[in-house]
Protein backbone atom coordinates (compact mmCIF):
# COMPACT_ATOMS: atom_id res chain seq x y z
CA MET A 1 -131.03 -41.43 -28.15
CA LYS A 2 -128.74 -39.12 -29.85
CA ASP A 3 -125.66 -37.67 -27.88
CA LEU A 4 -126.34 -34.49 -26.89
CA THR A 5 -123.14 -33.36 -25.04
CA PRO A 6 -122.93 -29.87 -25.40
CA ALA A 7 -120.04 -28.61 -26.26
CA LYS A 8 -116.99 -27.35 -23.80
CA ASP A 9 -116.52 -23.88 -25.34
CA THR A 10 -120.61 -23.10 -24.76
CA LEU A 11 -120.42 -23.61 -21.35
CA ASP A 12 -119.92 -20.45 -18.98
CA PRO A 13 -116.64 -20.43 -17.62
CA ILE A 14 -117.30 -20.66 -14.14
CA GLU A 15 -119.35 -24.02 -14.88
CA ILE A 16 -115.60 -25.88 -15.15
CA ALA A 17 -113.32 -23.19 -13.21
CA SER A 18 -111.40 -24.70 -10.07
CA ARG A 19 -112.79 -25.76 -6.85
CA ASP A 20 -110.35 -22.45 -5.47
CA GLU A 21 -111.81 -20.00 -7.67
CA ILE A 22 -115.01 -21.24 -6.86
CA ALA A 23 -114.66 -20.88 -3.36
CA ALA A 24 -113.28 -17.74 -3.60
CA LEU A 25 -116.29 -16.34 -5.51
CA GLN A 26 -118.66 -17.75 -2.75
CA LEU A 27 -117.13 -16.19 -0.54
CA ASP A 28 -116.84 -12.85 -1.51
CA ARG A 29 -120.57 -13.18 -2.50
CA LEU A 30 -121.62 -14.34 0.87
CA LYS A 31 -120.40 -11.82 2.29
CA TRP A 32 -122.41 -9.40 0.42
CA SER A 33 -125.69 -11.62 0.53
CA LEU A 34 -125.27 -11.64 4.73
CA ASN A 35 -124.91 -8.02 4.82
CA HIS A 36 -127.40 -7.31 2.01
CA ALA A 37 -130.01 -9.25 4.31
CA TYR A 38 -129.21 -8.01 7.53
CA GLN A 39 -128.84 -4.16 6.68
CA ASN A 40 -132.15 -3.99 4.59
CA VAL A 41 -134.91 -6.96 5.80
CA PRO A 42 -135.81 -6.06 9.49
CA HIS A 43 -136.61 -10.41 9.80
CA TYR A 44 -132.70 -10.89 9.30
CA LYS A 45 -131.34 -8.47 11.81
CA ALA A 46 -133.54 -9.10 14.32
CA ALA A 47 -132.61 -13.30 13.79
CA PHE A 48 -128.76 -12.28 13.34
CA ASP A 49 -129.01 -10.19 16.39
CA ALA A 50 -130.95 -12.91 18.87
CA ALA A 51 -128.61 -15.32 17.74
CA GLY A 52 -125.68 -13.08 18.66
CA ILE A 53 -123.86 -13.07 15.35
CA HIS A 54 -123.13 -10.00 12.40
CA PRO A 55 -122.49 -10.49 9.06
CA ASP A 56 -118.57 -9.44 9.28
CA ASP A 57 -118.04 -12.81 11.75
CA LEU A 58 -118.20 -14.55 8.57
CA THR A 59 -114.64 -15.27 7.66
CA ALA A 60 -114.69 -18.42 5.96
CA LEU A 61 -117.35 -20.26 4.28
CA SER A 62 -117.81 -22.68 6.94
CA ASP A 63 -118.32 -19.72 9.15
CA LEU A 64 -121.77 -19.71 7.94
CA SER A 65 -123.25 -22.72 10.03
CA LYS A 66 -123.42 -20.13 13.20
CA PHE A 67 -126.24 -18.04 11.21
CA PRO A 68 -129.86 -19.15 12.27
CA PHE A 69 -131.72 -20.86 9.71
CA THR A 70 -134.82 -19.83 7.80
CA THR A 71 -138.09 -21.44 7.50
CA LYS A 72 -140.83 -21.42 5.25
CA GLN A 73 -143.26 -20.00 8.63
CA ASP A 74 -140.48 -17.28 9.08
CA LEU A 75 -141.70 -16.67 5.43
CA ARG A 76 -145.03 -16.94 5.92
CA ALA A 77 -145.11 -14.39 9.21
CA ASN A 78 -143.32 -11.38 7.64
CA TYR A 79 -146.37 -12.10 4.40
CA PRO A 80 -146.84 -10.47 2.08
CA PHE A 81 -143.70 -8.47 1.65
CA GLY A 82 -141.60 -8.46 4.56
CA MET A 83 -138.91 -10.24 2.90
CA PHE A 84 -138.25 -7.67 0.63
CA ALA A 85 -134.68 -5.92 0.73
CA VAL A 86 -135.15 -3.49 -2.09
CA PRO A 87 -138.03 -1.08 -2.10
CA ARG A 88 -141.26 -2.27 -3.08
CA THR A 89 -141.60 0.05 -6.38
CA ASP A 90 -137.91 -2.36 -7.45
CA VAL A 91 -140.03 -5.14 -7.92
CA LYS A 92 -140.02 -6.24 -11.50
CA ARG A 93 -141.84 -9.47 -10.64
CA ILE A 94 -143.51 -11.45 -7.78
CA HIS A 95 -144.64 -15.35 -8.03
CA ALA A 96 -146.37 -16.70 -4.89
CA SER A 97 -146.87 -20.49 -3.71
CA SER A 98 -150.26 -22.16 -3.70
CA GLY A 99 -150.58 -21.50 -0.14
CA THR A 100 -152.88 -24.90 -0.16
CA THR A 101 -150.99 -25.85 3.51
CA GLY A 102 -151.10 -21.86 5.40
CA GLN A 103 -150.45 -18.82 4.29
CA PRO A 104 -148.53 -17.80 0.89
CA THR A 105 -145.08 -17.71 0.58
CA VAL A 106 -144.11 -14.64 -1.62
CA VAL A 107 -141.21 -13.82 -3.35
CA GLY A 108 -139.68 -10.89 -5.70
CA TYR A 109 -137.31 -10.25 -8.21
CA THR A 110 -135.05 -6.96 -9.28
CA GLU A 111 -134.34 -6.76 -12.90
CA ASN A 112 -131.02 -7.95 -12.21
CA ASP A 113 -132.82 -11.41 -10.28
CA LEU A 114 -134.58 -12.14 -13.44
CA LYS A 115 -131.45 -11.70 -15.08
CA ASN A 116 -129.61 -13.59 -13.03
CA TRP A 117 -132.63 -16.07 -12.96
CA GLY A 118 -132.63 -16.59 -17.01
CA ASN A 119 -128.71 -17.06 -17.04
CA VAL A 120 -128.97 -20.28 -14.64
CA VAL A 121 -131.94 -21.74 -16.31
CA ALA A 122 -130.88 -21.05 -20.00
CA ARG A 123 -127.03 -22.94 -18.25
CA SER A 124 -129.46 -26.09 -16.98
CA LEU A 125 -131.07 -26.06 -20.34
CA ARG A 126 -127.65 -25.98 -22.11
CA ALA A 127 -126.93 -29.26 -19.91
CA ALA A 128 -129.69 -30.97 -20.78
CA GLY A 129 -128.50 -30.74 -24.42
CA LEU A 130 -130.37 -27.96 -26.18
CA GLN A 131 -129.00 -25.59 -28.40
CA PRO A 132 -130.40 -22.01 -29.29
CA GLY A 133 -132.71 -22.12 -32.21
CA ASP A 134 -133.78 -25.53 -30.49
CA LEU A 135 -137.83 -25.89 -30.06
CA LEU A 136 -138.95 -25.96 -26.42
CA HIS A 137 -142.33 -27.34 -25.51
CA ASN A 138 -143.15 -26.00 -22.17
CA ALA A 139 -146.00 -27.89 -19.90
CA TYR A 140 -144.90 -26.55 -16.79
CA GLY A 141 -148.01 -24.35 -15.27
CA TYR A 142 -147.95 -20.02 -16.04
CA GLY A 143 -148.58 -17.55 -13.40
CA LEU A 144 -147.60 -17.56 -9.43
CA PHE A 145 -145.82 -21.04 -9.60
CA THR A 146 -142.43 -20.20 -10.62
CA GLY A 147 -142.13 -22.99 -13.06
CA GLY A 148 -143.20 -21.99 -16.14
CA LEU A 149 -142.10 -18.52 -16.82
CA GLY A 150 -138.59 -19.46 -15.02
CA ILE A 151 -137.95 -21.74 -17.75
CA HIS A 152 -139.34 -19.52 -20.48
CA LEU A 153 -136.93 -16.51 -19.15
CA GLY A 154 -133.96 -19.37 -19.41
CA ALA A 155 -135.27 -20.43 -22.98
CA ASP A 156 -135.44 -16.98 -24.36
CA ALA A 157 -131.86 -16.63 -22.35
CA LEU A 158 -130.56 -19.48 -24.21
CA GLY A 159 -131.79 -18.41 -27.50
CA LEU A 160 -134.59 -21.37 -27.72
CA THR A 161 -138.04 -21.06 -29.45
CA THR A 162 -140.31 -21.51 -27.20
CA ILE A 163 -144.68 -23.40 -26.85
CA PRO A 164 -145.54 -21.65 -23.75
CA ILE A 165 -148.44 -24.36 -23.63
CA SER A 166 -148.67 -24.71 -19.96
CA GLY A 167 -150.33 -27.43 -18.15
CA GLY A 168 -153.41 -29.29 -19.05
CA MET A 169 -155.59 -30.06 -22.21
CA THR A 170 -153.64 -33.49 -22.41
CA PRO A 171 -154.99 -34.23 -25.78
CA ARG A 172 -153.86 -31.02 -27.33
CA GLN A 173 -150.73 -31.25 -25.91
CA VAL A 174 -149.98 -34.17 -27.79
CA ARG A 175 -151.37 -32.51 -31.35
CA LEU A 176 -149.09 -30.21 -30.55
CA ILE A 177 -145.87 -32.02 -29.68
CA GLU A 178 -146.97 -33.90 -33.06
CA ASP A 179 -147.43 -31.14 -35.43
CA PHE A 180 -144.80 -28.33 -34.17
CA LYS A 181 -141.72 -31.37 -33.91
CA PRO A 182 -140.49 -30.05 -30.26
CA LYS A 183 -137.00 -31.06 -29.75
CA GLY A 184 -137.27 -30.44 -25.41
CA ILE A 185 -139.85 -31.10 -23.21
CA THR A 186 -139.73 -29.16 -19.81
CA VAL A 187 -143.06 -30.46 -17.35
CA THR A 188 -143.24 -32.74 -14.15
CA PRO A 189 -142.49 -36.56 -13.94
CA SER A 190 -146.20 -37.27 -13.13
CA TYR A 191 -147.34 -35.41 -15.74
CA ALA A 192 -145.42 -36.99 -18.56
CA LEU A 193 -147.07 -40.22 -17.76
CA SER A 194 -150.37 -38.58 -18.30
CA VAL A 195 -149.03 -37.27 -21.89
CA LEU A 196 -147.73 -40.74 -22.38
CA ASP A 197 -150.86 -42.11 -21.70
CA GLU A 198 -152.69 -39.86 -24.06
CA PHE A 199 -150.28 -40.70 -26.81
CA ASN A 200 -151.59 -44.61 -26.59
CA GLU A 201 -154.98 -43.06 -26.34
CA GLN A 202 -154.70 -41.86 -29.82
CA GLY A 203 -152.85 -44.56 -31.23
CA LEU A 204 -149.49 -42.49 -31.66
CA ASP A 205 -146.34 -44.18 -31.21
CA PRO A 206 -144.01 -42.25 -28.67
CA ARG A 207 -140.92 -42.92 -29.97
CA ALA A 208 -141.61 -41.75 -33.23
CA SER A 209 -142.25 -38.33 -31.95
CA SER A 210 -139.49 -35.41 -32.12
CA LEU A 211 -138.94 -35.68 -28.39
CA GLU A 212 -135.33 -36.62 -27.44
CA VAL A 213 -134.99 -34.55 -23.95
CA GLY A 214 -137.29 -34.33 -21.68
CA ILE A 215 -136.20 -31.94 -18.33
CA PHE A 216 -138.21 -33.01 -15.11
CA GLY A 217 -138.56 -31.63 -11.78
CA ALA A 218 -141.20 -29.64 -9.09
CA GLU A 219 -141.79 -33.32 -7.62
CA PRO A 220 -139.36 -36.02 -6.19
CA TRP A 221 -138.92 -38.98 -8.97
CA THR A 222 -136.60 -42.04 -9.31
CA ASN A 223 -134.46 -43.53 -11.66
CA ALA A 224 -136.68 -46.40 -12.15
CA MET A 225 -139.46 -43.76 -13.28
CA ARG A 226 -136.26 -42.20 -15.72
CA THR A 227 -135.98 -45.66 -17.44
CA GLU A 228 -139.53 -46.19 -18.03
CA ILE A 229 -140.35 -42.52 -19.33
CA GLU A 230 -137.12 -42.92 -21.62
CA GLN A 231 -137.95 -46.43 -22.76
CA ALA A 232 -141.48 -44.89 -23.92
CA PHE A 233 -140.27 -42.23 -25.65
CA ASP A 234 -136.89 -42.76 -27.46
CA MET A 235 -135.75 -39.67 -25.06
CA HIS A 236 -133.15 -38.57 -22.41
CA ALA A 237 -134.64 -37.75 -19.22
CA VAL A 238 -133.13 -35.89 -16.92
CA ASP A 239 -133.87 -33.70 -13.67
CA ILE A 240 -134.33 -30.33 -12.98
CA TYR A 241 -134.08 -28.77 -9.50
CA GLY A 242 -135.63 -25.15 -7.68
CA LEU A 243 -137.74 -23.82 -5.56
CA SER A 244 -139.29 -20.39 -5.46
CA GLU A 245 -137.71 -18.95 -2.18
CA VAL A 246 -134.30 -20.05 -3.31
CA ILE A 247 -135.66 -18.74 -6.80
CA GLY A 248 -137.66 -20.84 -8.54
CA PRO A 249 -136.31 -23.56 -11.35
CA GLY A 250 -132.92 -23.30 -12.32
CA VAL A 251 -131.04 -23.97 -8.53
CA SER A 252 -129.53 -27.34 -10.14
CA MET A 253 -129.46 -29.37 -13.15
CA GLU A 254 -128.68 -32.87 -14.04
CA CYS A 255 -126.02 -32.88 -17.41
CA VAL A 256 -127.51 -35.14 -20.16
CA GLU A 257 -123.98 -36.71 -20.76
CA THR A 258 -124.02 -37.99 -16.89
CA LYS A 259 -127.37 -38.71 -15.03
CA ASP A 260 -125.20 -38.79 -11.77
CA GLY A 261 -127.40 -36.30 -9.95
CA LEU A 262 -128.04 -32.48 -10.35
CA HIS A 263 -124.82 -29.62 -10.57
CA ILE A 264 -126.05 -26.97 -8.10
CA TRP A 265 -125.11 -23.90 -9.67
CA GLU A 266 -122.77 -22.47 -6.72
CA ASP A 267 -121.56 -19.48 -8.00
CA HIS A 268 -125.37 -18.40 -6.96
CA PHE A 269 -126.44 -20.88 -3.78
CA PHE A 270 -124.66 -21.95 -1.52
CA PRO A 271 -125.55 -25.15 -0.53
CA GLU A 272 -125.35 -27.22 2.99
CA ILE A 273 -126.79 -30.42 4.15
CA ILE A 274 -127.61 -30.59 7.77
CA ASP A 275 -129.08 -33.21 9.82
CA PRO A 276 -132.73 -32.29 9.71
CA ASN A 277 -133.44 -33.38 13.70
CA THR A 278 -130.03 -31.91 14.93
CA GLY A 279 -130.19 -28.98 12.94
CA GLN A 280 -125.96 -29.73 12.58
CA PRO A 281 -123.90 -29.48 8.98
CA VAL A 282 -123.21 -33.09 8.48
CA GLU A 283 -119.97 -33.96 5.85
CA ASP A 284 -120.37 -34.35 1.85
CA GLY A 285 -121.14 -37.71 1.16
CA GLU A 286 -123.57 -37.66 3.94
CA MET A 287 -127.38 -37.80 3.95
CA GLY A 288 -129.56 -34.96 5.25
CA GLU A 289 -131.63 -31.73 4.39
CA LEU A 290 -131.17 -29.20 2.09
CA VAL A 291 -130.09 -25.56 2.82
CA PHE A 292 -129.85 -23.01 0.69
CA THR A 293 -128.39 -19.45 1.14
CA SER A 294 -128.49 -17.09 -2.04
CA LEU A 295 -125.46 -15.53 -2.81
CA THR A 296 -126.80 -12.71 -5.99
CA LYS A 297 -130.37 -12.17 -4.83
CA GLU A 298 -131.05 -8.46 -4.33
CA ALA A 299 -135.12 -8.63 -3.78
CA PHE A 300 -135.24 -11.85 -1.73
CA PRO A 301 -132.44 -12.98 -0.08
CA ILE A 302 -132.30 -16.12 1.88
CA ILE A 303 -130.39 -17.12 4.15
CA ARG A 304 -129.70 -20.76 5.28
CA TYR A 305 -133.61 -21.99 3.64
CA ARG A 306 -133.96 -25.25 5.68
CA THR A 307 -136.16 -26.74 2.16
CA ARG A 308 -137.36 -30.27 3.51
CA ASP A 309 -135.72 -31.81 0.53
CA LEU A 310 -133.46 -35.07 1.71
CA THR A 311 -130.25 -35.46 -0.32
CA ARG A 312 -126.68 -35.92 -0.07
CA LEU A 313 -123.30 -33.73 -1.73
CA LEU A 314 -121.11 -34.94 -3.94
CA PRO A 315 -118.39 -34.27 -6.00
CA GLY A 316 -118.47 -32.28 -9.56
CA THR A 317 -118.45 -34.43 -12.65
CA ALA A 318 -119.92 -33.10 -15.56
CA ARG A 319 -119.09 -29.42 -14.35
CA SER A 320 -116.85 -28.29 -11.58
CA MET A 321 -119.48 -27.76 -9.30
CA ARG A 322 -121.07 -29.88 -6.30
CA ARG A 323 -123.72 -32.35 -7.32
CA MET A 324 -126.54 -32.92 -5.16
CA GLU A 325 -128.23 -36.92 -5.48
CA LYS A 326 -131.75 -36.81 -6.42
CA VAL A 327 -134.60 -36.19 -4.04
CA THR A 328 -135.68 -38.98 -2.53
CA GLY A 329 -138.42 -37.10 -0.53
CA ARG A 330 -139.02 -34.53 2.10
CA SER A 331 -138.84 -34.56 5.94
CA ASP A 332 -142.35 -33.02 6.10
CA ASP A 333 -143.57 -36.22 3.43
CA MET A 334 -142.09 -38.65 5.10
CA ILE A 335 -144.60 -41.43 6.72
CA ILE A 336 -143.80 -42.74 9.72
CA LEU A 337 -146.01 -45.93 9.77
CA ARG A 338 -145.89 -48.24 12.44
CA GLY A 339 -142.33 -46.98 13.52
CA VAL A 340 -140.91 -47.40 10.17
CA ASN A 341 -139.90 -44.24 8.01
CA VAL A 342 -141.41 -44.50 4.24
CA PHE A 343 -141.23 -42.22 1.31
CA PRO A 344 -143.27 -41.90 -1.96
CA THR A 345 -140.44 -42.47 -3.92
CA GLN A 346 -139.96 -45.69 -1.85
CA ILE A 347 -143.40 -46.99 -3.02
CA GLU A 348 -142.87 -45.90 -6.60
CA GLU A 349 -139.50 -47.89 -7.03
CA CYS A 350 -141.46 -51.29 -5.71
CA LEU A 351 -144.12 -50.37 -8.30
CA MET A 352 -141.84 -49.57 -11.34
CA ALA A 353 -139.96 -53.07 -10.48
CA THR A 354 -143.63 -55.16 -10.49
CA PRO A 355 -144.67 -56.72 -13.76
CA GLY A 356 -148.54 -55.74 -14.84
CA LEU A 357 -148.53 -52.17 -12.70
CA ALA A 358 -149.22 -48.85 -14.73
CA PRO A 359 -146.96 -45.94 -13.37
CA HIS A 360 -149.28 -44.33 -11.49
CA PHE A 361 -150.38 -44.64 -7.75
CA GLN A 362 -151.68 -42.98 -4.44
CA ILE A 363 -150.89 -43.74 -0.99
CA GLU A 364 -154.09 -43.50 1.53
CA LEU A 365 -153.48 -43.59 5.10
CA THR A 366 -156.30 -44.82 7.22
CA LYS A 367 -156.70 -45.20 11.52
CA PRO A 368 -159.37 -47.98 11.37
CA ASP A 369 -158.34 -48.49 15.30
CA ARG A 370 -155.07 -47.87 17.48
CA MET A 371 -153.19 -48.65 14.33
CA ASP A 372 -152.10 -46.73 11.28
CA GLN A 373 -152.60 -48.63 7.76
CA MET A 374 -151.17 -47.87 3.98
CA ARG A 375 -153.11 -48.72 1.43
CA VAL A 376 -151.23 -48.19 -2.22
CA LEU A 377 -153.97 -47.17 -4.81
CA CYS A 378 -152.68 -48.14 -8.41
CA GLU A 379 -153.57 -49.80 -11.86
CA ALA A 380 -152.86 -52.48 -14.01
CA THR A 381 -151.79 -52.61 -17.21
CA ASN A 382 -153.78 -53.92 -20.31
CA GLY A 383 -154.40 -57.59 -19.77
CA GLY A 384 -152.40 -57.75 -16.48
CA ASP A 385 -153.59 -59.83 -13.95
CA SER A 386 -154.57 -57.42 -11.33
CA THR A 387 -154.73 -60.12 -8.42
CA ASP A 388 -151.38 -61.25 -9.23
CA ALA A 389 -149.55 -58.31 -9.59
CA ALA A 390 -151.37 -56.93 -6.12
CA ARG A 391 -150.05 -59.82 -4.34
CA ALA A 392 -146.58 -59.01 -5.71
CA LEU A 393 -146.32 -55.07 -4.99
CA ALA A 394 -147.44 -56.07 -1.62
CA SER A 395 -144.54 -58.75 -1.16
CA ARG A 396 -142.39 -56.59 -2.74
CA ILE A 397 -143.31 -53.53 -0.30
CA LYS A 398 -142.92 -55.63 2.50
CA GLN A 399 -139.26 -57.37 1.54
CA THR A 400 -137.64 -53.49 0.56
CA ILE A 401 -139.37 -51.33 3.13
CA GLY A 402 -140.30 -53.90 5.61
CA ILE A 403 -144.16 -53.03 6.35
CA SER A 404 -147.04 -54.90 5.33
CA VAL A 405 -149.51 -52.63 3.22
CA LYS A 406 -153.08 -53.38 1.33
CA VAL A 407 -152.49 -53.25 -2.46
CA ASP A 408 -155.84 -52.35 -4.60
CA VAL A 409 -155.43 -52.89 -8.30
CA SER A 410 -157.79 -50.81 -10.05
CA ASP A 411 -158.45 -50.58 -14.09
CA PRO A 412 -156.31 -48.63 -16.42
CA GLY A 413 -157.41 -44.89 -15.98
CA SER A 414 -158.77 -45.33 -12.59
CA ILE A 415 -155.91 -43.27 -10.78
CA GLU A 416 -156.20 -39.46 -11.15
CA ARG A 417 -153.84 -38.13 -13.10
CA SER A 418 -151.92 -35.40 -12.35
CA GLN A 419 -151.71 -31.96 -14.61
CA GLY A 420 -148.98 -30.60 -12.42
CA LYS A 421 -147.54 -32.19 -9.21
CA ALA A 422 -149.18 -35.16 -8.55
CA VAL A 423 -150.89 -36.08 -4.86
CA ARG A 424 -149.25 -39.22 -3.89
CA ILE A 425 -150.40 -39.46 -0.23
CA VAL A 426 -154.08 -39.23 0.29
CA ASP A 427 -154.05 -39.02 4.29
CA LYS A 428 -157.61 -39.65 6.20
CA ARG A 429 -156.32 -40.50 9.58
């Protein structure tokens, strides 16, 4: 793989500023954001007043812990535009969640918000090793989902040439990669595996493609999957993080030269880690739930939003800003099986370490009697012994996670392929 480390003189000065400079900027912007939300969003005024706290009470960054959390339910309760802090006519873009598990959450952006969003995504794409003039194959979905259009904003801001192919039509994805020869691809990691399958189906060598870096996000993925993708394509695989409630893609980014966690763009987003059970902040380095407060958003300020994503904060390395570890899972995706906490990423790690199995899987939960049961549905590689592979995976899960599961290994292609975010858990209880 080529060295894609960006030159230091191409970075924004704040990326390599001192921690004192970053903290001073954060405090100034945090005071503005709290006041902006309190004065212009009825929900925040009511929530702050009920907690007996006022934006003027914030005199240090640590004072943020005194303010109430914002949850997805708060956003749904104010559907569609109740959380906007500017007149609707000043909102230049609206995005929304799918609403598959309830009322959609709606977010808005002013013209300045869109500029800031483009800048943090451009910063992220540059951290991945892309440079002005490079060709980017953008396979994130376009539309109300923030992925496709958010990446496109940043690609424009960085000066890339964008192929806005969106998701789906996998044979066409491969054809355009072969014909247009992009340097980078942005896509969910699970759909990258579908693209890889299509390369093999067409008899093409993915290692001979033009791709030098893949930028993967929108769902948790493991370092084992990183290795699988990097070896298959002979390209760098880096992680990007974002969520629509905070802005979309570009909240944090893994740097291609280190691949040691995602640097949070702390000049725009203030992170906290809390104990998901007590809501109390924990020290940097401790595992917990990620909470974000926006520092510059005009249309849709967000104060102490509980993401439900589980990670920990670490000191900066390639940049001065703190890193978050790759998300290990979500507190609301956690499976409690006979008293043991299990995350899909743990099953993925076991799967990737078991010879004879492809990296496609689903977890099926049933309750045939009084006890919950888990069945892992996966695929054999071509020519693999499915019986031995199933036994090996079940044994590995038992040894590493401590639970007994059933494993069904089917023929290649039997697991439904993702066209976007993968559906990992099928709950039939």
